[in-house]
Amino acid sequence: MIDASMLLVAAETALYNAKFAVAIAGFGSAIGVGLVGWGATNAIGRNPGAFGKILVMGILGMAFAEAIAFYALFLGN
């Protein structure tokens, strides 16, 4: 038979799992943004003439990496 304490434990477990998923997604997103920035700075260092194109691609890459964190934040809560 299901009682109130079992439901409370199940709800707390689901809440912790959602928070853990958001934390992992945020960590992965931060690593992704860092890698995009690192790659963009290396590319600009190798070819400074392509600064504008690299900047646009870097910003798009960072936006896509950050989108993962927002998806997890909105869907995890």
PDB file of N, CA and C in Angstrom:
ATOM      1  N   MET A   1       0.842  -1.176   0.000  1.00  0.00           N
ATOM      2  CA  MET A   1       0.000   0.000   0.000  1.00  0.00           C
ATOM      3  C   MET A   1       0.885   1.236   0.000  1.00  0.00           C
ATOM      4  N   ILE A   2       0.524   2.220  -0.798  1.00  0.00           N
ATOM      5  CA  ILE A   2       1.286   3.453  -0.901  1.00  0.00           C
ATOM      6  C   ILE A   2       0.757   4.447   0.124  1.00  0.00           C
ATOM      7  N   ASP A   3       1.677   4.971   0.923  1.00  0.00           N
ATOM      8  CA  ASP A   3       1.278   5.983   1.894  1.00  0.00           C
ATOM      9  C   ASP A   3       1.995   7.305   1.576  1.00  0.00           C
ATOM     10  N   ALA A   4       1.741   8.301   2.367  1.00  0.00           N
ATOM     11  CA  ALA A   4       2.262   9.642   2.106  1.00  0.00           C
ATOM     12  C   ALA A   4       3.780   9.694   2.196  1.00  0.00           C
ATOM     13  N   SER A   5       4.380   8.930   3.089  1.00  0.00           N
ATOM     14  CA  SER A   5       5.836   8.982   3.229  1.00  0.00           C
ATOM     15  C   SER A   5       6.526   8.417   1.992  1.00  0.00           C
ATOM     16  N   MET A   6       5.959   7.389   1.382  1.00  0.00           N
ATOM     17  CA  MET A   6       6.548   6.829   0.165  1.00  0.00           C
ATOM     18  C   MET A   6       6.453   7.827  -0.994  1.00  0.00           C
ATOM     19  N   LEU A   7       5.342   8.533  -1.072  1.00  0.00           N
ATOM     20  CA  LEU A   7       5.199   9.536  -2.113  1.00  0.00           C
ATOM     21  C   LEU A   7       6.167  10.691  -1.910  1.00  0.00           C
ATOM     22  N   LEU A   8       6.400  11.070  -0.659  1.00  0.00           N
ATOM     23  CA  LEU A   8       7.338  12.140  -0.355  1.00  0.00           C
ATOM     24  C   LEU A   8       8.755  11.736  -0.751  1.00  0.00           C
ATOM     25  N   VAL A   9       9.143  10.516  -0.447  1.00  0.00           N
ATOM     26  CA  VAL A   9      10.473  10.038  -0.814  1.00  0.00           C
ATOM     27  C   VAL A   9      10.623   9.999  -2.332  1.00  0.00           C
ATOM     28  N   ALA A  10       9.597   9.554  -3.041  1.00  0.00           N
ATOM     29  CA  ALA A  10       9.644   9.511  -4.501  1.00  0.00           C
ATOM     30  C   ALA A  10       9.753  10.911  -5.092  1.00  0.00           C
ATOM     31  N   ALA A  11       9.030  11.873  -4.530  1.00  0.00           N
ATOM     32  CA  ALA A  11       9.088  13.246  -5.023  1.00  0.00           C
ATOM     33  C   ALA A  11      10.458  13.863  -4.769  1.00  0.00           C
ATOM     34  N   GLU A  12      11.033  13.623  -3.599  1.00  0.00           N
ATOM     35  CA  GLU A  12      12.361  14.155  -3.296  1.00  0.00           C
ATOM     36  C   GLU A  12      13.411  13.539  -4.213  1.00  0.00           C
ATOM     37  N   THR A  13      13.296  12.250  -4.491  1.00  0.00           N
ATOM     38  CA  THR A  13      14.247  11.588  -5.376  1.00  0.00           C
ATOM     39  C   THR A  13      14.160  12.167  -6.782  1.00  0.00           C
ATOM     40  N   ALA A  14      12.951  12.388  -7.271  1.00  0.00           N
ATOM     41  CA  ALA A  14      12.782  12.967  -8.605  1.00  0.00           C
ATOM     42  C   ALA A  14      13.353  14.379  -8.654  1.00  0.00           C
ATOM     43  N   LEU A  15      13.178  15.140  -7.591  1.00  0.00           N
ATOM     44  CA  LEU A  15      13.699  16.501  -7.544  1.00  0.00           C
ATOM     45  C   LEU A  15      15.219  16.496  -7.576  1.00  0.00           C
ATOM     46  N   TYR A  16      15.842  15.613  -6.816  1.00  0.00           N
ATOM     47  CA  TYR A  16      17.299  15.529  -6.810  1.00  0.00           C
ATOM     48  C   TYR A  16      17.827  15.058  -8.156  1.00  0.00           C
ATOM     49  N   ASN A  17      17.136  14.128  -8.800  1.00  0.00           N
ATOM     50  CA  ASN A  17      17.567  13.662 -10.116  1.00  0.00           C
ATOM     51  C   ASN A  17      17.486  14.790 -11.141  1.00  0.00           C
ATOM     52  N   ALA A  18      16.442  15.598 -11.076  1.00  0.00           N
ATOM     53  CA  ALA A  18      16.308  16.722 -12.000  1.00  0.00           C
ATOM     54  C   ALA A  18      17.415  17.745 -11.765  1.00  0.00           C
ATOM     55  N   LYS A  19      17.706  18.035 -10.507  1.00  0.00           N
ATOM     56  CA  LYS A  19      18.773  18.988 -10.204  1.00  0.00           C
ATOM     57  C   LYS A  19      20.124  18.462 -10.659  1.00  0.00           C
ATOM     58  N   PHE A  20      20.346  17.164 -10.512  1.00  0.00           N
ATOM     59  CA  PHE A  20      21.595  16.555 -10.964  1.00  0.00           C
ATOM     60  C   PHE A  20      21.716  16.651 -12.482  1.00  0.00           C
ATOM     61  N   ALA A  21      20.630  16.410 -13.195  1.00  0.00           N
ATOM     62  CA  ALA A  21      20.653  16.503 -14.653  1.00  0.00           C
ATOM     63  C   ALA A  21      20.948  17.932 -15.103  1.00  0.00           C
ATOM     64  N   VAL A  22      20.373  18.912 -14.435  1.00  0.00           N
ATOM     65  CA  VAL A  22      20.630  20.306 -14.783  1.00  0.00           C
ATOM     66  C   VAL A  22      22.091  20.655 -14.499  1.00  0.00           C
ATOM     67  N   ALA A  23      22.630  20.163 -13.403  1.00  0.00           N
ATOM     68  CA  ALA A  23      24.032  20.434 -13.067  1.00  0.00           C
ATOM     69  C   ALA A  23      24.971  19.821 -14.100  1.00  0.00           C
ATOM     70  N   ILE A  24      24.704  18.597 -14.518  1.00  0.00           N
ATOM     71  CA  ILE A  24      25.547  17.948 -15.517  1.00  0.00           C
ATOM     72  C   ILE A  24      25.454  18.682 -16.854  1.00  0.00           C
ATOM     73  N   ALA A  25      24.252  19.090 -17.240  1.00  0.00           N
ATOM     74  CA  ALA A  25      24.084  19.824 -18.497  1.00  0.00           C
ATOM     75  C   ALA A  25      24.799  21.173 -18.432  1.00  0.00           C
ATOM     76  N   GLY A  26      24.734  21.845 -17.297  1.00  0.00           N
ATOM     77  CA  GLY A  26      25.434  23.111 -17.147  1.00  0.00           C
ATOM     78  C   GLY A  26      26.938  22.946 -17.217  1.00  0.00           C
ATOM     79  N   PHE A  27      27.436  21.887 -16.608  1.00  0.00           N
ATOM     80  CA  PHE A  27      28.871  21.609 -16.648  1.00  0.00           C
ATOM     81  C   PHE A  27      29.315  21.305 -18.077  1.00  0.00           C
ATOM     82  N   GLY A  28      28.544  20.496 -18.780  1.00  0.00           N
ATOM     83  CA  GLY A  28      28.879  20.177 -20.163  1.00  0.00           C
ATOM     84  C   GLY A  28      28.808  21.398 -21.064  1.00  0.00           C
ATOM     85  N   SER A  29      27.835  22.244 -20.818  1.00  0.00           N
ATOM     86  CA  SER A  29      27.699  23.467 -21.594  1.00  0.00           C
ATOM     87  C   SER A  29      28.891  24.399 -21.352  1.00  0.00           C
ATOM     88  N   ALA A  30      29.322  24.509 -20.124  1.00  0.00           N
ATOM     89  CA  ALA A  30      30.482  25.349 -19.811  1.00  0.00           C
ATOM     90  C   ALA A  30      31.736  24.827 -20.495  1.00  0.00           C
ATOM     91  N   ILE A  31      31.910  23.531 -20.512  1.00  0.00           N
ATOM     92  CA  ILE A  31      33.066  22.953 -21.207  1.00  0.00           C
ATOM     93  C   ILE A  31      32.964  23.229 -22.704  1.00  0.00           C
ATOM     94  N   GLY A  32      31.761  23.088 -23.269  1.00  0.00           N
ATOM     95  CA  GLY A  32      31.572  23.355 -24.690  1.00  0.00           C
ATOM     96  C   GLY A  32      31.879  24.794 -25.062  1.00  0.00           C
ATOM     97  N   VAL A  33      31.411  25.735 -24.259  1.00  0.00           N
ATOM     98  CA  VAL A  33      31.688  27.149 -24.529  1.00  0.00           C
ATOM     99  C   VAL A  33      33.186  27.420 -24.432  1.00  0.00           C
ATOM    100  N   GLY A  34      33.826  26.828 -23.457  1.00  0.00           N
ATOM    101  CA  GLY A  34      35.274  27.005 -23.325  1.00  0.00           C
ATOM    102  C   GLY A  34      36.038  26.456 -24.514  1.00  0.00           C
ATOM    103  N   LEU A  35      35.631  25.294 -24.997  1.00  0.00           N
ATOM    104  CA  LEU A  35      36.305  24.711 -26.160  1.00  0.00           C
ATOM    105  C   LEU A  35      36.080  25.543 -27.417  1.00  0.00           C
ATOM    106  N   VAL A  36      34.883  26.076 -27.579  1.00  0.00           N
ATOM    107  CA  VAL A  36      34.618  26.932 -28.739  1.00  0.00           C
ATOM    108  C   VAL A  36      35.478  28.191 -28.667  1.00  0.00           C
ATOM    109  N   GLY A  37      35.547  28.813 -27.497  1.00  0.00           N
ATOM    110  CA  GLY A  37      36.378  30.009 -27.344  1.00  0.00           C
ATOM    111  C   GLY A  37      37.849  29.721 -27.580  1.00  0.00           C
ATOM    112  N   TRP A  38      38.305  28.602 -27.080  1.00  0.00           N
ATOM    113  CA  TRP A  38      39.702  28.204 -27.268  1.00  0.00           C
ATOM    114  C   TRP A  38      40.003  27.981 -28.745  1.00  0.00           C
ATOM    115  N   GLY A  39      39.101  27.283 -29.428  1.00  0.00           N
ATOM    116  CA  GLY A  39      39.299  27.036 -30.853  1.00  0.00           C
ATOM    117  C   GLY A  39      39.259  28.315 -31.665  1.00  0.00           C
ATOM    118  N   ALA A  40      38.360  29.224 -31.301  1.00  0.00           N
ATOM    119  CA  ALA A  40      38.266  30.493 -32.030  1.00  0.00           C
ATOM    120  C   ALA A  40      39.522  31.330 -31.839  1.00  0.00           C
ATOM    121  N   THR A  41      40.044  31.383 -30.628  1.00  0.00           N
ATOM    122  CA  THR A  41      41.265  32.172 -30.409  1.00  0.00           C
ATOM    123  C   THR A  41      42.450  31.551 -31.135  1.00  0.00           C
ATOM    124  N   ASN A  42      42.525  30.228 -31.178  1.00  0.00           N
ATOM    125  CA  ASN A  42      43.593  29.574 -31.932  1.00  0.00           C
ATOM    126  C   ASN A  42      43.466  29.868 -33.425  1.00  0.00           C
ATOM    127  N   ALA A  43      42.241  29.829 -33.928  1.00  0.00           N
ATOM    128  CA  ALA A  43      42.029  30.094 -35.351  1.00  0.00           C
ATOM    129  C   ALA A  43      42.371  31.531 -35.701  1.00  0.00           C
ATOM    130  N   ILE A  44      42.007  32.475 -34.847  1.00  0.00           N
ATOM    131  CA  ILE A  44      42.338  33.880 -35.112  1.00  0.00           C
ATOM    132  C   ILE A  44      43.846  34.084 -35.028  1.00  0.00           C
ATOM    133  N   GLY A  45      44.498  33.388 -34.127  1.00  0.00           N
ATOM    134  CA  GLY A  45      45.952  33.489 -34.037  1.00  0.00           C
ATOM    135  C   GLY A  45      46.643  32.963 -35.284  1.00  0.00           C
ATOM    136  N   ARG A  46      46.067  31.950 -35.912  1.00  0.00           N
ATOM    137  CA  ARG A  46      46.669  31.389 -37.120  1.00  0.00           C
ATOM    138  C   ARG A  46      46.335  32.206 -38.362  1.00  0.00           C
ATOM    139  N   ASN A  47      45.142  32.803 -38.386  1.00  0.00           N
ATOM    140  CA  ASN A  47      44.711  33.557 -39.564  1.00  0.00           C
ATOM    141  C   ASN A  47      43.949  34.804 -39.107  1.00  0.00           C
ATOM    142  N   PRO A  48      44.639  35.870 -38.769  1.00  0.00           N
ATOM    143  CA  PRO A  48      43.961  37.071 -38.275  1.00  0.00           C
ATOM    144  C   PRO A  48      43.045  37.723 -39.304  1.00  0.00           C
ATOM    145  N   GLY A  49      43.252  37.474 -40.574  1.00  0.00           N
ATOM    146  CA  GLY A  49      42.424  38.069 -41.607  1.00  0.00           C
ATOM    147  C   GLY A  49      41.003  37.534 -41.613  1.00  0.00           C
ATOM    148  N   ALA A  50      40.795  36.361 -41.034  1.00  0.00           N
ATOM    149  CA  ALA A  50      39.466  35.744 -41.010  1.00  0.00           C
ATOM    150  C   ALA A  50      38.739  36.024 -39.697  1.00  0.00           C
ATOM    151  N   PHE A  51      39.105  37.114 -39.044  1.00  0.00           N
ATOM    152  CA  PHE A  51      38.539  37.415 -37.733  1.00  0.00           C
ATOM    153  C   PHE A  51      37.020  37.482 -37.745  1.00  0.00           C
ATOM    154  N   GLY A  52      36.435  38.168 -38.720  1.00  0.00           N
ATOM    155  CA  GLY A  52      34.979  38.348 -38.766  1.00  0.00           C
ATOM    156  C   GLY A  52      34.235  37.036 -38.911  1.00  0.00           C
ATOM    157  N   LYS A  53      34.693  36.173 -39.816  1.00  0.00           N
ATOM    158  CA  LYS A  53      34.028  34.889 -40.024  1.00  0.00           C
ATOM    159  C   LYS A  53      34.187  33.979 -38.805  1.00  0.00           C
ATOM    160  N   ILE A  54      35.361  34.010 -38.205  1.00  0.00           N
ATOM    161  CA  ILE A  54      35.600  33.174 -37.021  1.00  0.00           C
ATOM    162  C   ILE A  54      34.760  33.661 -35.856  1.00  0.00           C
ATOM    163  N   LEU A  55      34.624  34.970 -35.719  1.00  0.00           N
ATOM    164  CA  LEU A  55      33.811  35.529 -34.638  1.00  0.00           C
ATOM    165  C   LEU A  55      32.362  35.080 -34.756  1.00  0.00           C
ATOM    166  N   VAL A  56      31.816  35.141 -35.969  1.00  0.00           N
ATOM    167  CA  VAL A  56      30.431  34.730 -36.176  1.00  0.00           C
ATOM    168  C   VAL A  56      30.255  33.250 -35.849  1.00  0.00           C
ATOM    169  N   MET A  57      31.155  32.415 -36.346  1.00  0.00           N
ATOM    170  CA  MET A  57      31.058  30.971 -36.075  1.00  0.00           C
ATOM    171  C   MET A  57      31.246  30.677 -34.582  1.00  0.00           C
ATOM    172  N   GLY A  58      32.133  31.410 -33.925  1.00  0.00           N
ATOM    173  CA  GLY A  58      32.343  31.212 -32.492  1.00  0.00           C
ATOM    174  C   GLY A  58      31.119  31.583 -31.680  1.00  0.00           C
ATOM    175  N   ILE A  59      30.501  32.687 -32.031  1.00  0.00           N
ATOM    176  CA  ILE A  59      29.299  33.109 -31.304  1.00  0.00           C
ATOM    177  C   ILE A  59      28.171  32.107 -31.515  1.00  0.00           C
ATOM    178  N   LEU A  60      28.002  31.629 -32.750  1.00  0.00           N
ATOM    179  CA  LEU A  60      26.972  30.617 -33.012  1.00  0.00           C
ATOM    180  C   LEU A  60      27.247  29.328 -32.244  1.00  0.00           C
ATOM    181  N   GLY A  61      28.498  28.901 -32.233  1.00  0.00           N
ATOM    182  CA  GLY A  61      28.850  27.683 -31.497  1.00  0.00           C
ATOM    183  C   GLY A  61      28.596  27.816 -30.005  1.00  0.00           C
ATOM    184  N   MET A  62      28.931  28.972 -29.455  1.00  0.00           N
ATOM    185  CA  MET A  62      28.679  29.199 -28.030  1.00  0.00           C
ATOM    186  C   MET A  62      27.189  29.248 -27.732  1.00  0.00           C
ATOM    187  N   ALA A  63      26.419  29.847 -28.631  1.00  0.00           N
ATOM    188  CA  ALA A  63      24.969  29.914 -28.424  1.00  0.00           C
ATOM    189  C   ALA A  63      24.354  28.517 -28.446  1.00  0.00           C
ATOM    190  N   PHE A  64      24.803  27.672 -29.358  1.00  0.00           N
ATOM    191  CA  PHE A  64      24.273  26.310 -29.414  1.00  0.00           C
ATOM    192  C   PHE A  64      24.673  25.504 -28.175  1.00  0.00           C
ATOM    193  N   ALA A  65      25.885  25.719 -27.680  1.00  0.00           N
ATOM    194  CA  ALA A  65      26.317  25.011 -26.472  1.00  0.00           C
ATOM    195  C   ALA A  65      25.515  25.488 -25.261  1.00  0.00           C
ATOM    196  N   GLU A  66      25.247  26.784 -25.184  1.00  0.00           N
ATOM    197  CA  GLU A  66      24.463  27.313 -24.070  1.00  0.00           C
ATOM    198  C   GLU A  66      23.013  26.867 -24.138  1.00  0.00           C
ATOM    199  N   ALA A  67      22.508  26.625 -25.342  1.00  0.00           N
ATOM    200  CA  ALA A  67      21.121  26.189 -25.494  1.00  0.00           C
ATOM    201  C   ALA A  67      20.879  24.868 -24.771  1.00  0.00           C
ATOM    202  N   ILE A  68      21.871  24.012 -24.724  1.00  0.00           N
ATOM    203  CA  ILE A  68      21.733  22.735 -24.024  1.00  0.00           C
ATOM    204  C   ILE A  68      21.451  22.976 -22.543  1.00  0.00           C
ATOM    205  N   ALA A  69      22.141  23.922 -21.944  1.00  0.00           N
ATOM    206  CA  ALA A  69      21.922  24.223 -20.532  1.00  0.00           C
ATOM    207  C   ALA A  69      20.515  24.775 -20.307  1.00  0.00           C
ATOM    208  N   PHE A  70      20.048  25.621 -21.227  1.00  0.00           N
ATOM    209  CA  PHE A  70      18.699  26.169 -21.077  1.00  0.00           C
ATOM    210  C   PHE A  70      17.645  25.093 -21.248  1.00  0.00           C
ATOM    211  N   TYR A  71      17.836  24.183 -22.194  1.00  0.00           N
ATOM    212  CA  TYR A  71      16.891  23.073 -22.359  1.00  0.00           C
ATOM    213  C   TYR A  71      16.821  22.252 -21.079  1.00  0.00           C
ATOM    214  N   ALA A  72      17.960  21.935 -20.515  1.00  0.00           N
ATOM    215  CA  ALA A  72      17.968  21.138 -19.292  1.00  0.00           C
ATOM    216  C   ALA A  72      17.333  21.902 -18.135  1.00  0.00           C
ATOM    217  N   LEU A  73      17.579  23.189 -18.061  1.00  0.00           N
ATOM    218  CA  LEU A  73      17.018  23.991 -16.981  1.00  0.00           C
ATOM    219  C   LEU A  73      15.499  24.034 -17.075  1.00  0.00           C
ATOM    220  N   PHE A  74      14.975  24.247 -18.270  1.00  0.00           N
ATOM    221  CA  PHE A  74      13.522  24.351 -18.426  1.00  0.00           C
ATOM    222  C   PHE A  74      12.844  22.996 -18.333  1.00  0.00           C
ATOM    223  N   LEU A  75      13.450  21.958 -18.878  1.00  0.00           N
ATOM    224  CA  LEU A  75      12.829  20.643 -18.859  1.00  0.00           C
ATOM    225  C   LEU A  75      13.083  19.891 -17.566  1.00  0.00           C
ATOM    226  N   GLY A  76      14.120  20.268 -16.838  1.00  0.00           N
ATOM    227  CA  GLY A  76      14.452  19.557 -15.612  1.00  0.00           C
ATOM    228  C   GLY A  76      13.649  19.990 -14.406  1.00  0.00           C
ATOM    229  N   ASN A  77      12.993  21.121 -14.506  1.00  0.00           N
ATOM    230  CA  ASN A  77      12.233  21.617 -13.347  1.00  0.00           C
ATOM    231  C   ASN A  77      10.771  21.448 -13.532  1.00  0.00           C
TER     232      ASN A  77
END
